[in-house]
Amino acid sequence: MIETPRLTLVPLTLDQLRTHLANKYELEQVFGLKKGYREVVEPVRSIVVYFTIPRLQDPSLDPLFHTLWLAIDREKQQFVAEAKFKGEPDETGTVEIGYGTYPGMHRKGYMTEMVGGMVNWALQQPGVIRVVADTTADNVASQKVLEKSGFRLFDQIEDMLWWEISK
């Protein structure tokens, strides 16, 4: 669990992840939260089903670098955003992060706060010295999240922009 000024970031267990996929509001009941805007949409559903769940079933992998993390707005008592690392640090000490804000929760600073909290946590973990993220060239909102979180642009491959932040 990670605490930021407004948010509590929770890594989902395998059972919680299955509940997240299966029922629109059951996960809120598990956490004692109000119904909100949480939605499981593509491509997140496929990523969770085909990559996240199998990796959480492998005891040799660190679940915190493979599961989905959800952000809870403590005042609203609702889920507002989600993010995940795309695996453990590689041989260069790099982890990649992906993220998204739920509909109705855009332009409230949640994603910047969540990404900042997760990056701070990641850079404190053994073996992690760099976090990267990608955005499409036309996704200005995502680019602003990364800029506000301290990332710098380091590469562009066609319409994909690659960002990084290091210790």
N, C-alpha and C. Protein backbone atom coordinates (compact mmCIF):
# COMPACT_ATOMS: atom_id res chain seq x y z
N MET A 1 0.84 -1.18 0.00
CA MET A 1 0.00 0.00 0.00
C MET A 1 0.89 1.24 0.00
N ILE A 2 0.48 2.23 -0.78
CA ILE A 2 1.21 3.50 -0.88
C ILE A 2 0.22 4.61 -0.54
N GLU A 3 0.66 5.55 0.30
CA GLU A 3 -0.18 6.70 0.64
C GLU A 3 0.37 7.94 -0.05
N THR A 4 -0.50 8.70 -0.70
CA THR A 4 -0.17 10.01 -1.26
C THR A 4 -1.10 11.01 -0.58
N PRO A 5 -0.98 12.31 -0.87
CA PRO A 5 -1.84 13.26 -0.15
C PRO A 5 -3.34 12.93 -0.16
N ARG A 6 -3.89 12.52 -1.29
CA ARG A 6 -5.33 12.22 -1.36
C ARG A 6 -5.66 10.75 -1.54
N LEU A 7 -4.67 9.97 -1.95
CA LEU A 7 -4.94 8.62 -2.42
C LEU A 7 -4.30 7.54 -1.56
N THR A 8 -4.94 6.39 -1.55
CA THR A 8 -4.33 5.16 -1.07
C THR A 8 -4.22 4.25 -2.29
N LEU A 9 -3.01 3.81 -2.58
CA LEU A 9 -2.76 2.95 -3.73
C LEU A 9 -2.62 1.52 -3.24
N VAL A 10 -3.49 0.64 -3.73
CA VAL A 10 -3.51 -0.74 -3.25
C VAL A 10 -3.19 -1.71 -4.38
N PRO A 11 -2.23 -2.61 -4.13
CA PRO A 11 -1.95 -3.66 -5.11
C PRO A 11 -2.96 -4.78 -4.90
N LEU A 12 -3.61 -5.20 -5.96
CA LEU A 12 -4.63 -6.24 -5.83
C LEU A 12 -4.01 -7.63 -5.70
N THR A 13 -4.58 -8.42 -4.81
CA THR A 13 -4.21 -9.83 -4.70
C THR A 13 -4.83 -10.56 -5.88
N LEU A 14 -4.46 -11.81 -6.07
CA LEU A 14 -5.03 -12.61 -7.15
C LEU A 14 -6.55 -12.70 -7.02
N ASP A 15 -7.05 -12.97 -5.81
CA ASP A 15 -8.51 -13.05 -5.61
C ASP A 15 -9.18 -11.71 -5.87
N GLN A 16 -8.57 -10.62 -5.41
CA GLN A 16 -9.15 -9.29 -5.65
C GLN A 16 -9.15 -8.95 -7.14
N LEU A 17 -8.10 -9.38 -7.83
CA LEU A 17 -8.03 -9.13 -9.27
C LEU A 17 -9.13 -9.88 -10.01
N ARG A 18 -9.39 -11.11 -9.60
CA ARG A 18 -10.49 -11.87 -10.21
C ARG A 18 -11.83 -11.20 -9.93
N THR A 19 -12.01 -10.68 -8.72
CA THR A 19 -13.24 -9.96 -8.37
C THR A 19 -13.36 -8.70 -9.21
N HIS A 20 -12.25 -8.02 -9.40
CA HIS A 20 -12.20 -6.80 -10.22
C HIS A 20 -12.74 -7.09 -11.63
N LEU A 21 -12.39 -8.24 -12.18
CA LEU A 21 -12.83 -8.60 -13.53
C LEU A 21 -14.28 -9.07 -13.56
N ALA A 22 -14.71 -9.76 -12.50
CA ALA A 22 -15.96 -10.50 -12.53
C ALA A 22 -17.22 -9.69 -12.28
N ASN A 23 -17.14 -8.69 -11.42
CA ASN A 23 -18.37 -8.05 -10.98
C ASN A 23 -18.17 -6.56 -10.87
N LYS A 24 -19.10 -5.79 -11.37
CA LYS A 24 -18.95 -4.34 -11.42
C LYS A 24 -18.70 -3.70 -10.06
N TYR A 25 -19.41 -4.12 -9.00
CA TYR A 25 -19.27 -3.41 -7.72
C TYR A 25 -18.84 -4.30 -6.56
N GLU A 26 -18.58 -5.57 -6.79
CA GLU A 26 -18.19 -6.45 -5.69
C GLU A 26 -16.86 -6.02 -5.07
N LEU A 27 -15.93 -5.54 -5.88
CA LEU A 27 -14.63 -5.11 -5.34
C LEU A 27 -14.80 -3.92 -4.39
N GLU A 28 -15.72 -3.03 -4.71
CA GLU A 28 -16.00 -1.91 -3.81
C GLU A 28 -16.49 -2.44 -2.47
N GLN A 29 -17.34 -3.46 -2.49
CA GLN A 29 -17.83 -4.05 -1.25
C GLN A 29 -16.69 -4.67 -0.45
N VAL A 30 -15.76 -5.35 -1.14
CA VAL A 30 -14.60 -5.96 -0.47
C VAL A 30 -13.80 -4.90 0.28
N PHE A 31 -13.64 -3.72 -0.33
CA PHE A 31 -12.85 -2.64 0.27
C PHE A 31 -13.68 -1.68 1.11
N GLY A 32 -14.99 -1.90 1.18
CA GLY A 32 -15.85 -1.00 1.94
C GLY A 32 -15.98 0.38 1.33
N LEU A 33 -16.00 0.44 0.00
CA LEU A 33 -16.05 1.71 -0.72
C LEU A 33 -17.40 1.93 -1.38
N LYS A 34 -17.64 3.18 -1.78
CA LYS A 34 -18.84 3.54 -2.53
C LYS A 34 -18.68 3.12 -3.99
N LYS A 35 -19.82 2.85 -4.63
CA LYS A 35 -19.80 2.60 -6.06
C LYS A 35 -19.29 3.86 -6.74
N GLY A 36 -18.51 3.66 -7.79
CA GLY A 36 -17.95 4.81 -8.47
C GLY A 36 -17.88 4.60 -9.96
N TYR A 37 -16.75 4.95 -10.52
CA TYR A 37 -16.58 4.95 -11.96
C TYR A 37 -15.68 3.83 -12.46
N ARG A 38 -15.28 2.92 -11.59
CA ARG A 38 -14.36 1.85 -11.98
C ARG A 38 -14.97 1.03 -13.11
N GLU A 39 -14.18 0.85 -14.16
CA GLU A 39 -14.59 0.03 -15.30
C GLU A 39 -13.40 -0.80 -15.74
N VAL A 40 -13.66 -2.03 -16.15
CA VAL A 40 -12.62 -2.86 -16.73
C VAL A 40 -12.86 -2.86 -18.23
N VAL A 41 -11.97 -2.20 -18.95
CA VAL A 41 -12.12 -2.04 -20.40
C VAL A 41 -10.90 -2.63 -21.11
N GLU A 42 -11.06 -2.85 -22.40
CA GLU A 42 -9.91 -3.28 -23.22
C GLU A 42 -8.98 -2.10 -23.42
N PRO A 43 -7.69 -2.27 -23.46
CA PRO A 43 -6.98 -3.54 -23.44
C PRO A 43 -6.66 -4.06 -22.04
N VAL A 44 -7.09 -3.33 -21.00
CA VAL A 44 -6.73 -3.74 -19.63
C VAL A 44 -7.26 -5.14 -19.31
N ARG A 45 -8.51 -5.44 -19.71
CA ARG A 45 -9.07 -6.76 -19.43
C ARG A 45 -8.18 -7.86 -20.00
N SER A 46 -7.77 -7.74 -21.24
CA SER A 46 -6.92 -8.76 -21.86
C SER A 46 -5.56 -8.84 -21.19
N ILE A 47 -4.99 -7.71 -20.84
CA ILE A 47 -3.69 -7.70 -20.15
C ILE A 47 -3.80 -8.45 -18.83
N VAL A 48 -4.86 -8.18 -18.08
CA VAL A 48 -5.05 -8.84 -16.79
C VAL A 48 -5.26 -10.35 -16.97
N VAL A 49 -6.12 -10.72 -17.91
CA VAL A 49 -6.43 -12.14 -18.12
C VAL A 49 -5.23 -12.92 -18.64
N TYR A 50 -4.53 -12.38 -19.63
CA TYR A 50 -3.50 -13.16 -20.31
C TYR A 50 -2.08 -12.95 -19.78
N PHE A 51 -1.85 -11.88 -19.03
CA PHE A 51 -0.51 -11.63 -18.51
C PHE A 51 -0.47 -11.54 -16.98
N THR A 52 -1.32 -10.69 -16.42
CA THR A 52 -1.25 -10.43 -14.99
C THR A 52 -1.61 -11.66 -14.16
N ILE A 53 -2.75 -12.26 -14.42
CA ILE A 53 -3.17 -13.43 -13.62
C ILE A 53 -2.16 -14.56 -13.72
N PRO A 54 -1.71 -14.95 -14.93
CA PRO A 54 -0.70 -16.01 -14.97
C PRO A 54 0.57 -15.67 -14.20
N ARG A 55 0.99 -14.43 -14.24
CA ARG A 55 2.22 -14.05 -13.53
C ARG A 55 2.00 -14.05 -12.02
N LEU A 56 0.81 -13.70 -11.58
CA LEU A 56 0.53 -13.74 -10.13
C LEU A 56 0.47 -15.18 -9.63
N GLN A 57 0.25 -16.12 -10.51
CA GLN A 57 0.21 -17.53 -10.13
C GLN A 57 1.62 -18.14 -10.07
N ASP A 58 2.62 -17.39 -10.50
CA ASP A 58 4.00 -17.87 -10.49
C ASP A 58 4.69 -17.36 -9.22
N PRO A 59 4.95 -18.25 -8.25
CA PRO A 59 5.52 -17.82 -6.98
C PRO A 59 6.95 -17.28 -7.08
N SER A 60 7.60 -17.47 -8.21
CA SER A 60 8.96 -16.95 -8.35
C SER A 60 8.98 -15.47 -8.71
N LEU A 61 7.83 -14.90 -9.05
CA LEU A 61 7.75 -13.49 -9.45
C LEU A 61 7.22 -12.64 -8.30
N ASP A 62 7.70 -11.40 -8.23
CA ASP A 62 7.25 -10.46 -7.20
C ASP A 62 5.88 -9.90 -7.63
N PRO A 63 4.82 -10.24 -6.91
CA PRO A 63 3.48 -9.81 -7.35
C PRO A 63 3.32 -8.29 -7.43
N LEU A 64 4.05 -7.53 -6.65
CA LEU A 64 3.89 -6.08 -6.66
C LEU A 64 4.30 -5.46 -7.99
N PHE A 65 5.16 -6.14 -8.74
CA PHE A 65 5.58 -5.65 -10.06
C PHE A 65 4.73 -6.23 -11.19
N HIS A 66 3.76 -7.07 -10.84
CA HIS A 66 2.94 -7.70 -11.87
C HIS A 66 1.45 -7.44 -11.72
N THR A 67 0.99 -7.06 -10.55
CA THR A 67 -0.45 -6.89 -10.34
C THR A 67 -0.92 -5.51 -10.75
N LEU A 68 -2.21 -5.34 -10.73
CA LEU A 68 -2.85 -4.06 -10.98
C LEU A 68 -2.99 -3.35 -9.63
N TRP A 69 -2.62 -2.09 -9.61
CA TRP A 69 -2.78 -1.25 -8.42
C TRP A 69 -3.97 -0.32 -8.66
N LEU A 70 -4.84 -0.15 -7.67
CA LEU A 70 -5.97 0.77 -7.78
C LEU A 70 -5.78 1.92 -6.81
N ALA A 71 -6.21 3.10 -7.24
CA ALA A 71 -6.14 4.30 -6.41
C ALA A 71 -7.50 4.56 -5.79
N ILE A 72 -7.50 4.73 -4.48
CA ILE A 72 -8.71 5.07 -3.73
C ILE A 72 -8.61 6.52 -3.29
N ASP A 73 -9.59 7.33 -3.67
CA ASP A 73 -9.69 8.69 -3.13
C ASP A 73 -10.26 8.53 -1.72
N ARG A 74 -9.45 8.84 -0.71
CA ARG A 74 -9.87 8.61 0.67
C ARG A 74 -11.08 9.46 1.07
N GLU A 75 -11.18 10.67 0.55
CA GLU A 75 -12.32 11.52 0.90
C GLU A 75 -13.60 11.03 0.23
N LYS A 76 -13.53 10.70 -1.05
CA LYS A 76 -14.71 10.24 -1.78
C LYS A 76 -15.03 8.78 -1.48
N GLN A 77 -14.05 8.04 -0.96
CA GLN A 77 -14.20 6.61 -0.70
C GLN A 77 -14.61 5.86 -1.96
N GLN A 78 -13.84 6.15 -3.05
CA GLN A 78 -14.09 5.52 -4.34
C GLN A 78 -12.78 5.21 -5.04
N PHE A 79 -12.81 4.17 -5.90
CA PHE A 79 -11.69 3.93 -6.80
C PHE A 79 -11.72 5.01 -7.87
N VAL A 80 -10.55 5.56 -8.22
CA VAL A 80 -10.51 6.63 -9.21
C VAL A 80 -9.55 6.38 -10.37
N ALA A 81 -8.60 5.46 -10.20
CA ALA A 81 -7.60 5.23 -11.25
C ALA A 81 -6.91 3.90 -11.03
N GLU A 82 -6.15 3.49 -12.03
CA GLU A 82 -5.40 2.24 -11.93
C GLU A 82 -4.06 2.39 -12.63
N ALA A 83 -3.11 1.56 -12.21
CA ALA A 83 -1.79 1.55 -12.83
C ALA A 83 -1.16 0.19 -12.58
N LYS A 84 -0.13 -0.11 -13.34
CA LYS A 84 0.61 -1.34 -13.09
C LYS A 84 2.00 -1.22 -13.66
N PHE A 85 2.90 -1.94 -13.02
CA PHE A 85 4.23 -2.11 -13.58
C PHE A 85 4.13 -3.27 -14.55
N LYS A 86 4.98 -3.27 -15.56
CA LYS A 86 4.93 -4.31 -16.58
C LYS A 86 6.00 -5.37 -16.34
N GLY A 87 6.26 -5.62 -15.05
CA GLY A 87 7.23 -6.64 -14.69
C GLY A 87 8.30 -6.10 -13.76
N GLU A 88 9.12 -7.02 -13.29
CA GLU A 88 10.19 -6.68 -12.37
C GLU A 88 11.31 -5.95 -13.11
N PRO A 89 12.25 -5.36 -12.36
CA PRO A 89 13.34 -4.64 -13.02
C PRO A 89 14.13 -5.57 -13.95
N ASP A 90 14.50 -5.02 -15.10
CA ASP A 90 15.32 -5.80 -16.03
C ASP A 90 16.79 -5.69 -15.63
N GLU A 91 17.68 -6.17 -16.48
CA GLU A 91 19.11 -6.19 -16.15
C GLU A 91 19.71 -4.80 -16.02
N THR A 92 19.01 -3.78 -16.54
CA THR A 92 19.50 -2.40 -16.41
C THR A 92 18.87 -1.68 -15.21
N GLY A 93 18.02 -2.38 -14.47
CA GLY A 93 17.35 -1.76 -13.33
C GLY A 93 16.12 -0.95 -13.72
N THR A 94 15.57 -1.24 -14.90
CA THR A 94 14.43 -0.49 -15.44
C THR A 94 13.12 -1.26 -15.25
N VAL A 95 12.09 -0.53 -14.81
CA VAL A 95 10.72 -1.05 -14.82
C VAL A 95 9.87 -0.11 -15.66
N GLU A 96 8.81 -0.66 -16.25
CA GLU A 96 7.90 0.15 -17.05
C GLU A 96 6.57 0.25 -16.33
N ILE A 97 5.93 1.41 -16.42
CA ILE A 97 4.63 1.63 -15.80
C ILE A 97 3.61 2.00 -16.87
N GLY A 98 2.38 1.53 -16.66
CA GLY A 98 1.24 1.91 -17.48
C GLY A 98 0.12 2.34 -16.55
N TYR A 99 -0.80 3.17 -17.02
CA TYR A 99 -1.80 3.75 -16.11
C TYR A 99 -3.02 4.26 -16.85
N GLY A 100 -4.10 4.48 -16.09
CA GLY A 100 -5.30 5.05 -16.66
C GLY A 100 -6.24 5.55 -15.57
N THR A 101 -6.96 6.61 -15.88
CA THR A 101 -7.94 7.19 -14.97
C THR A 101 -9.33 6.73 -15.42
N TYR A 102 -10.21 6.47 -14.47
CA TYR A 102 -11.55 6.03 -14.81
C TYR A 102 -12.38 7.17 -15.40
N PRO A 103 -13.34 6.84 -16.28
CA PRO A 103 -14.22 7.87 -16.83
C PRO A 103 -14.88 8.67 -15.70
N GLY A 104 -15.00 9.94 -15.92
CA GLY A 104 -15.58 10.81 -14.90
C GLY A 104 -14.57 11.31 -13.88
N MET A 105 -13.35 10.79 -13.93
CA MET A 105 -12.31 11.17 -12.97
C MET A 105 -11.14 11.89 -13.64
N HIS A 106 -11.29 12.22 -14.92
CA HIS A 106 -10.22 12.91 -15.64
C HIS A 106 -10.08 14.36 -15.16
N ARG A 107 -8.87 14.89 -15.35
CA ARG A 107 -8.55 16.31 -15.10
C ARG A 107 -8.73 16.70 -13.64
N LYS A 108 -8.46 15.77 -12.73
CA LYS A 108 -8.54 16.06 -11.30
C LYS A 108 -7.18 15.84 -10.61
N GLY A 109 -6.15 15.51 -11.39
CA GLY A 109 -4.82 15.30 -10.85
C GLY A 109 -4.57 13.92 -10.25
N TYR A 110 -5.55 13.03 -10.37
CA TYR A 110 -5.38 11.70 -9.78
C TYR A 110 -4.22 10.93 -10.40
N MET A 111 -4.13 10.98 -11.73
CA MET A 111 -3.12 10.18 -12.39
C MET A 111 -1.72 10.68 -12.05
N THR A 112 -1.54 11.99 -12.03
CA THR A 112 -0.23 12.53 -11.67
C THR A 112 0.14 12.11 -10.25
N GLU A 113 -0.82 12.16 -9.35
CA GLU A 113 -0.56 11.77 -7.96
C GLU A 113 -0.26 10.27 -7.86
N MET A 114 -1.02 9.45 -8.59
CA MET A 114 -0.80 8.01 -8.53
C MET A 114 0.55 7.63 -9.15
N VAL A 115 0.84 8.16 -10.33
CA VAL A 115 2.11 7.85 -10.98
C VAL A 115 3.27 8.30 -10.09
N GLY A 116 3.17 9.49 -9.52
CA GLY A 116 4.24 9.98 -8.64
C GLY A 116 4.46 9.06 -7.45
N GLY A 117 3.37 8.61 -6.83
CA GLY A 117 3.48 7.72 -5.68
C GLY A 117 4.09 6.38 -6.05
N MET A 118 3.68 5.84 -7.19
CA MET A 118 4.21 4.55 -7.61
C MET A 118 5.67 4.65 -8.04
N VAL A 119 6.04 5.73 -8.70
CA VAL A 119 7.43 5.92 -9.10
C VAL A 119 8.31 6.07 -7.86
N ASN A 120 7.88 6.87 -6.90
CA ASN A 120 8.66 7.03 -5.66
C ASN A 120 8.84 5.68 -4.98
N TRP A 121 7.78 4.88 -4.91
CA TRP A 121 7.88 3.55 -4.31
C TRP A 121 8.86 2.68 -5.09
N ALA A 122 8.70 2.65 -6.42
CA ALA A 122 9.54 1.79 -7.26
C ALA A 122 11.02 2.12 -7.12
N LEU A 123 11.35 3.41 -7.11
CA LEU A 123 12.75 3.81 -7.04
C LEU A 123 13.38 3.51 -5.68
N GLN A 124 12.57 3.14 -4.71
CA GLN A 124 13.08 2.72 -3.40
C GLN A 124 13.27 1.20 -3.32
N GLN A 125 12.83 0.47 -4.36
CA GLN A 125 12.92 -0.98 -4.33
C GLN A 125 14.30 -1.44 -4.80
N PRO A 126 14.81 -2.52 -4.20
CA PRO A 126 16.11 -3.03 -4.62
C PRO A 126 16.12 -3.37 -6.11
N GLY A 127 17.17 -2.96 -6.78
CA GLY A 127 17.33 -3.29 -8.19
C GLY A 127 16.66 -2.33 -9.15
N VAL A 128 15.91 -1.35 -8.66
CA VAL A 128 15.24 -0.40 -9.55
C VAL A 128 16.00 0.93 -9.53
N ILE A 129 16.44 1.36 -10.71
CA ILE A 129 17.11 2.66 -10.81
C ILE A 129 16.44 3.58 -11.83
N ARG A 130 15.48 3.02 -12.58
CA ARG A 130 14.85 3.81 -13.65
C ARG A 130 13.43 3.28 -13.89
N VAL A 131 12.51 4.22 -14.16
CA VAL A 131 11.14 3.87 -14.53
C VAL A 131 10.88 4.51 -15.89
N VAL A 132 10.30 3.73 -16.80
CA VAL A 132 9.97 4.24 -18.13
C VAL A 132 8.46 4.12 -18.36
N ALA A 133 7.98 4.90 -19.31
CA ALA A 133 6.57 4.86 -19.72
C ALA A 133 6.51 5.28 -21.18
N ASP A 134 5.45 4.85 -21.85
CA ASP A 134 5.26 5.29 -23.23
C ASP A 134 3.89 5.92 -23.37
N THR A 135 3.80 6.83 -24.33
CA THR A 135 2.53 7.45 -24.69
C THR A 135 2.51 7.64 -26.20
N THR A 136 1.32 7.75 -26.74
CA THR A 136 1.25 8.09 -28.16
C THR A 136 1.49 9.60 -28.29
N ALA A 137 1.95 9.99 -29.46
CA ALA A 137 2.27 11.39 -29.70
C ALA A 137 1.06 12.31 -29.56
N ASP A 138 -0.14 11.76 -29.76
CA ASP A 138 -1.33 12.60 -29.67
C ASP A 138 -1.99 12.57 -28.28
N ASN A 139 -1.43 11.81 -27.33
CA ASN A 139 -2.01 11.73 -25.99
C ASN A 139 -1.38 12.79 -25.08
N VAL A 140 -1.82 14.01 -25.26
CA VAL A 140 -1.25 15.15 -24.54
C VAL A 140 -1.49 15.03 -23.03
N ALA A 141 -2.65 14.54 -22.62
CA ALA A 141 -2.95 14.40 -21.18
C ALA A 141 -1.94 13.47 -20.52
N SER A 142 -1.64 12.34 -21.15
CA SER A 142 -0.68 11.40 -20.59
C SER A 142 0.72 12.00 -20.55
N GLN A 143 1.07 12.75 -21.58
CA GLN A 143 2.37 13.42 -21.60
C GLN A 143 2.50 14.41 -20.44
N LYS A 144 1.42 15.14 -20.16
CA LYS A 144 1.44 16.09 -19.05
C LYS A 144 1.59 15.39 -17.71
N VAL A 145 0.94 14.22 -17.56
CA VAL A 145 1.10 13.43 -16.33
C VAL A 145 2.57 13.10 -16.12
N LEU A 146 3.21 12.62 -17.17
CA LEU A 146 4.61 12.23 -17.06
C LEU A 146 5.51 13.43 -16.79
N GLU A 147 5.27 14.54 -17.48
CA GLU A 147 6.07 15.74 -17.23
C GLU A 147 5.93 16.22 -15.79
N LYS A 148 4.69 16.27 -15.30
CA LYS A 148 4.45 16.71 -13.92
C LYS A 148 5.04 15.75 -12.91
N SER A 149 5.20 14.48 -13.30
CA SER A 149 5.76 13.47 -12.40
C SER A 149 7.28 13.42 -12.46
N GLY A 150 7.90 14.29 -13.27
CA GLY A 150 9.36 14.37 -13.32
C GLY A 150 10.01 13.55 -14.42
N PHE A 151 9.22 12.93 -15.30
CA PHE A 151 9.79 12.17 -16.40
C PHE A 151 10.33 13.11 -17.46
N ARG A 152 11.29 12.61 -18.23
CA ARG A 152 11.79 13.35 -19.39
C ARG A 152 11.67 12.47 -20.62
N LEU A 153 11.39 13.10 -21.74
CA LEU A 153 11.28 12.40 -23.01
C LEU A 153 12.68 11.96 -23.43
N PHE A 154 12.84 10.67 -23.80
CA PHE A 154 14.17 10.22 -24.23
C PHE A 154 14.18 9.55 -25.60
N ASP A 155 13.01 9.24 -26.17
CA ASP A 155 13.01 8.59 -27.47
C ASP A 155 11.63 8.72 -28.12
N GLN A 156 11.62 8.62 -29.43
CA GLN A 156 10.37 8.57 -30.18
C GLN A 156 10.54 7.54 -31.29
N ILE A 157 9.61 6.59 -31.36
CA ILE A 157 9.60 5.58 -32.40
C ILE A 157 8.23 5.69 -33.08
N GLU A 158 8.24 6.20 -34.29
CA GLU A 158 7.02 6.50 -35.01
C GLU A 158 6.14 7.40 -34.16
N ASP A 159 4.91 6.97 -33.81
CA ASP A 159 4.04 7.86 -33.02
C ASP A 159 4.09 7.57 -31.52
N MET A 160 5.07 6.74 -31.08
CA MET A 160 5.21 6.44 -29.65
C MET A 160 6.34 7.27 -29.04
N LEU A 161 6.02 7.92 -27.94
CA LEU A 161 7.02 8.69 -27.18
C LEU A 161 7.41 7.89 -25.96
N TRP A 162 8.70 7.82 -25.67
CA TRP A 162 9.23 7.09 -24.52
C TRP A 162 9.80 8.07 -23.51
N TRP A 163 9.42 7.87 -22.25
CA TRP A 163 9.76 8.77 -21.15
C TRP A 163 10.50 7.99 -20.08
N GLU A 164 11.32 8.70 -19.28
CA GLU A 164 12.05 8.05 -18.21
C GLU A 164 12.24 8.98 -17.02
N ILE A 165 12.42 8.35 -15.87
CA ILE A 165 12.82 9.04 -14.65
C ILE A 165 13.77 8.08 -13.93
N SER A 166 14.85 8.63 -13.38
CA SER A 166 15.86 7.80 -12.73
C SER A 166 16.15 8.32 -11.34
N LYS A 167 16.83 7.46 -10.55
CA LYS A 167 17.26 7.87 -9.21
C LYS A 167 18.19 9.05 -9.33
